[in-house]
Amino acid sequence: MTEYSEFLQLLKKEIQCPQSVSDKGMQGRVIVQFEVERDGTPGRFRIIHSVSPELDAEVLRAFRLMSHWKFATGKKRLANGRFTVPVTFTQP
């Protein structure tokens, strides 16, 4: 679970609300889905819930920076994984 919380902290640090969106007072939750291949490569990013094109682009930019994942193997067999992560934007 430590790795997942580190992943969330990295996202929190990397994602910035674009000024154009902030000026409009826009907020909401962008939900992104992605897959991780057997070798740990993240890809196939897609927005499954959008707030605005600007926020979607910022979320995708940050997610594309992520490094390879390491899977825990219970049965010593790796499989592709699909993950869904909400990213919430709020105005101060």
C-alpha atoms as a PDB file:
ATOM      1  CA  MET A   1       0.000   0.000   0.000  1.00  0.00           C
ATOM      2  CA  THR A   2       2.981   2.307   0.498  1.00  0.00           C
ATOM      3  CA  GLU A   3       3.650   2.401  -3.230  1.00  0.00           C
ATOM      4  CA  TYR A   4       0.059   3.435  -3.962  1.00  0.00           C
ATOM      5  CA  SER A   5       0.178   6.294  -1.471  1.00  0.00           C
ATOM      6  CA  GLU A   6       3.510   7.375  -2.970  1.00  0.00           C
ATOM      7  CA  PHE A   7       1.835   7.306  -6.393  1.00  0.00           C
ATOM      8  CA  LEU A   8      -0.993   9.517  -5.109  1.00  0.00           C
ATOM      9  CA  GLN A   9       1.478  11.946  -3.526  1.00  0.00           C
ATOM     10  CA  LEU A  10       3.375  12.175  -6.809  1.00  0.00           C
ATOM     11  CA  LEU A  11       0.154  12.974  -8.650  1.00  0.00           C
ATOM     12  CA  LYS A  12      -0.807  15.571  -6.062  1.00  0.00           C
ATOM     13  CA  LYS A  13       2.580  17.224  -6.455  1.00  0.00           C
ATOM     14  CA  GLU A  14       2.610  17.071 -10.269  1.00  0.00           C
ATOM     15  CA  ILE A  15      -0.952  18.069 -11.206  1.00  0.00           C
ATOM     16  CA  GLN A  16      -1.540  21.807 -11.409  1.00  0.00           C
ATOM     17  CA  CYS A  17      -4.881  23.430 -12.108  1.00  0.00           C
ATOM     18  CA  PRO A  18      -4.508  25.479 -15.306  1.00  0.00           C
ATOM     19  CA  GLN A  19      -4.915  29.228 -14.733  1.00  0.00           C
ATOM     20  CA  SER A  20      -7.674  29.459 -17.343  1.00  0.00           C
ATOM     21  CA  VAL A  21      -9.737  26.929 -15.383  1.00  0.00           C
ATOM     22  CA  SER A  22      -8.946  28.524 -12.039  1.00  0.00           C
ATOM     23  CA  ASP A  23     -10.043  31.935 -13.340  1.00  0.00           C
ATOM     24  CA  LYS A  24     -13.424  30.449 -14.303  1.00  0.00           C
ATOM     25  CA  GLY A  25     -13.860  28.940 -10.822  1.00  0.00           C
ATOM     26  CA  MET A  26     -14.289  25.499 -12.366  1.00  0.00           C
ATOM     27  CA  GLN A  27     -13.971  22.444 -10.153  1.00  0.00           C
ATOM     28  CA  GLY A  28     -14.921  18.791 -10.213  1.00  0.00           C
ATOM     29  CA  ARG A  29     -13.616  15.266 -10.547  1.00  0.00           C
ATOM     30  CA  VAL A  30     -11.798  13.933 -13.595  1.00  0.00           C
ATOM     31  CA  ILE A  31     -11.702  10.152 -13.696  1.00  0.00           C
ATOM     32  CA  VAL A  32      -8.905   8.536 -15.663  1.00  0.00           C
ATOM     33  CA  GLN A  33      -8.533   4.874 -16.531  1.00  0.00           C
ATOM     34  CA  PHE A  34      -5.292   3.254 -17.634  1.00  0.00           C
ATOM     35  CA  GLU A  35      -3.722  -0.135 -18.080  1.00  0.00           C
ATOM     36  CA  VAL A  36      -0.425  -1.496 -16.885  1.00  0.00           C
ATOM     37  CA  GLU A  37       1.168  -4.160 -19.070  1.00  0.00           C
ATOM     38  CA  ARG A  38       2.812  -7.275 -17.700  1.00  0.00           C
ATOM     39  CA  ASP A  39       6.206  -5.593 -17.898  1.00  0.00           C
ATOM     40  CA  GLY A  40       4.924  -2.693 -15.757  1.00  0.00           C
ATOM     41  CA  THR A  41       4.495  -0.184 -18.571  1.00  0.00           C
ATOM     42  CA  PRO A  42       1.530   2.145 -17.995  1.00  0.00           C
ATOM     43  CA  GLY A  43      -0.486   3.151 -21.038  1.00  0.00           C
ATOM     44  CA  ARG A  44      -3.859   3.304 -22.767  1.00  0.00           C
ATOM     45  CA  PHE A  45      -4.852   6.344 -20.741  1.00  0.00           C
ATOM     46  CA  ARG A  46      -8.387   7.568 -21.213  1.00  0.00           C
ATOM     47  CA  ILE A  47     -10.691   9.978 -19.463  1.00  0.00           C
ATOM     48  CA  ILE A  48     -13.922   8.277 -18.435  1.00  0.00           C
ATOM     49  CA  HIS A  49     -15.398  11.327 -16.692  1.00  0.00           C
ATOM     50  CA  SER A  50     -14.524  14.810 -17.879  1.00  0.00           C
ATOM     51  CA  VAL A  51     -14.867  18.227 -16.267  1.00  0.00           C
ATOM     52  CA  SER A  52     -13.236  20.294 -19.021  1.00  0.00           C
ATOM     53  CA  PRO A  53     -10.751  19.710 -21.846  1.00  0.00           C
ATOM     54  CA  GLU A  54      -8.110  21.726 -19.952  1.00  0.00           C
ATOM     55  CA  LEU A  55      -8.376  19.617 -16.793  1.00  0.00           C
ATOM     56  CA  ASP A  56      -8.469  16.398 -18.813  1.00  0.00           C
ATOM     57  CA  ALA A  57      -5.264  17.407 -20.596  1.00  0.00           C
ATOM     58  CA  GLU A  58      -3.532  18.247 -17.307  1.00  0.00           C
ATOM     59  CA  VAL A  59      -4.484  14.916 -15.763  1.00  0.00           C
ATOM     60  CA  LEU A  60      -3.301  12.980 -18.826  1.00  0.00           C
ATOM     61  CA  ARG A  61      -0.033  14.950 -18.876  1.00  0.00           C
ATOM     62  CA  ALA A  62       0.701  14.037 -15.263  1.00  0.00           C
ATOM     63  CA  PHE A  63      -0.248  10.381 -15.670  1.00  0.00           C
ATOM     64  CA  ARG A  64       2.013  10.001 -18.700  1.00  0.00           C
ATOM     65  CA  LEU A  65       4.971  10.950 -16.475  1.00  0.00           C
ATOM     66  CA  MET A  66       4.542   7.891 -14.277  1.00  0.00           C
ATOM     67  CA  SER A  67       7.261   5.286 -14.277  1.00  0.00           C
ATOM     68  CA  HIS A  68       6.967   1.524 -14.607  1.00  0.00           C
ATOM     69  CA  TRP A  69       4.922  -0.339 -12.027  1.00  0.00           C
ATOM     70  CA  LYS A  70       5.969  -3.399 -10.064  1.00  0.00           C
ATOM     71  CA  PHE A  71       3.299  -5.988  -9.432  1.00  0.00           C
ATOM     72  CA  ALA A  72       3.001  -8.250  -6.438  1.00  0.00           C
ATOM     73  CA  THR A  73       2.616 -11.795  -7.661  1.00  0.00           C
ATOM     74  CA  GLY A  74       0.485 -14.122  -5.579  1.00  0.00           C
ATOM     75  CA  LYS A  75       0.606 -17.067  -7.950  1.00  0.00           C
ATOM     76  CA  LYS A  76       3.871 -16.057  -9.607  1.00  0.00           C
ATOM     77  CA  ARG A  77       2.016 -15.089 -12.762  1.00  0.00           C
ATOM     78  CA  LEU A  78       1.891 -11.527 -13.980  1.00  0.00           C
ATOM     79  CA  ALA A  79      -1.176 -10.148 -15.702  1.00  0.00           C
ATOM     80  CA  ASN A  80      -2.156  -6.842 -17.234  1.00  0.00           C
ATOM     81  CA  GLY A  81      -3.962  -4.559 -14.817  1.00  0.00           C
ATOM     82  CA  ARG A  82      -6.572  -1.862 -15.325  1.00  0.00           C
ATOM     83  CA  PHE A  83      -6.849   0.995 -12.871  1.00  0.00           C
ATOM     84  CA  THR A  84      -9.333   3.805 -12.421  1.00  0.00           C
ATOM     85  CA  VAL A  85      -8.269   6.884 -10.466  1.00  0.00           C
ATOM     86  CA  PRO A  86     -10.327   9.972  -9.598  1.00  0.00           C
ATOM     87  CA  VAL A  87      -8.564  13.348  -9.565  1.00  0.00           C
ATOM     88  CA  THR A  88     -10.517  16.085  -7.772  1.00  0.00           C
ATOM     89  CA  PHE A  89     -10.015  19.764  -8.510  1.00  0.00           C
ATOM     90  CA  THR A  90     -11.323  22.273  -5.971  1.00  0.00           C
ATOM     91  CA  GLN A  91     -11.078  26.028  -5.738  1.00  0.00           C
ATOM     92  CA  PRO A  92      -9.472  27.491  -2.605  1.00  0.00           C
END
